[in-house]
Protein backbone atom coordinates (compact mmCIF):
# COMPACT_ATOMS: atom_id res chain seq x y z
CA MET A 1 -30.97 -8.47 -5.32
CA GLN A 2 -28.38 -6.45 -3.42
CA LYS A 3 -25.00 -5.70 -4.97
CA LYS A 4 -21.95 -7.26 -3.33
CA ARG A 5 -19.74 -4.91 -1.38
CA LEU A 6 -16.18 -4.35 -2.55
CA LEU A 7 -14.53 -6.14 0.37
CA ASP A 8 -16.82 -9.14 -0.07
CA ILE A 9 -15.79 -9.35 -3.73
CA VAL A 10 -12.11 -9.16 -2.74
CA ARG A 11 -12.60 -11.91 -0.15
CA ASP A 12 -14.31 -14.12 -2.74
CA LYS A 13 -11.45 -13.64 -5.21
CA ILE A 14 -8.83 -14.38 -2.56
CA CYS A 15 -10.69 -17.52 -1.51
CA PHE A 16 -11.04 -18.61 -5.14
CA LYS A 17 -7.27 -18.32 -5.59
CA TYR A 18 -6.63 -20.26 -2.34
CA TYR A 19 -4.59 -17.48 -0.77
CA SER A 20 -3.90 -17.73 2.94
CA PHE A 21 -5.91 -15.94 5.58
CA SER A 22 -2.93 -13.69 6.36
CA ILE A 23 -2.82 -12.58 2.71
CA GLU A 24 -6.55 -11.84 2.83
CA ARG A 25 -6.11 -9.80 6.01
CA THR A 26 -3.25 -7.83 4.47
CA TYR A 27 -5.13 -7.05 1.24
CA ILE A 28 -8.22 -5.97 3.17
CA TYR A 29 -6.10 -3.79 5.46
CA TRP A 30 -4.49 -1.91 2.55
CA ILE A 31 -7.78 -1.50 0.69
CA LYS A 32 -9.42 -0.03 3.80
CA TYR A 33 -6.41 2.23 4.39
CA PHE A 34 -6.60 3.48 0.78
CA ILE A 35 -10.33 4.20 1.07
CA LEU A 36 -9.98 5.96 4.43
CA PHE A 37 -7.03 7.99 3.15
CA HIS A 38 -9.34 9.41 0.49
CA ASP A 39 -12.15 10.23 2.95
CA LYS A 40 -14.18 7.08 2.21
CA LYS A 41 -14.41 7.80 -1.51
CA TYR A 42 -15.43 4.68 -3.41
CA PRO A 43 -12.44 3.21 -5.34
CA ILE A 44 -14.32 3.08 -8.65
CA GLU A 45 -14.52 6.89 -8.51
CA MET A 46 -10.75 7.22 -8.15
CA GLY A 47 -7.96 7.00 -10.65
CA GLU A 48 -4.26 7.41 -11.21
CA ASN A 49 -3.98 10.67 -9.25
CA GLU A 50 -5.45 9.14 -6.10
CA ILE A 51 -3.23 6.08 -6.36
CA GLU A 52 -0.16 8.25 -6.83
CA SER A 53 -1.02 10.51 -3.88
CA PHE A 54 -1.61 7.46 -1.66
CA LEU A 55 1.67 5.82 -2.62
CA THR A 56 3.52 9.11 -2.15
CA HIS A 57 1.94 9.46 1.29
CA LEU A 58 3.11 5.96 2.22
CA ALA A 59 6.64 6.51 0.93
CA VAL A 60 7.26 10.05 2.17
CA GLU A 61 5.18 10.50 5.30
CA LYS A 62 4.92 6.94 6.60
CA LYS A 63 8.37 5.88 5.33
CA ILE A 64 7.00 2.56 4.07
CA SER A 65 9.24 0.60 1.73
CA LEU A 66 8.33 0.20 -1.94
CA THR A 67 8.44 -3.57 -1.54
CA THR A 68 5.61 -3.42 0.99
């Protein structure tokens, strides 16, 4: 049996919680952006440092609001 891919697991969870399609699209977008930012490193291999560098990148370089 093949393991489920991360984005499939996220989609299942979002569906289970009855979130809207636009919420699903947004979550998937940010997850993909995070993974691509770290050169396609699998999220389970990352930790606090990677999260902090990503959020700093968004705030400083992309000028994205904290509420986003």
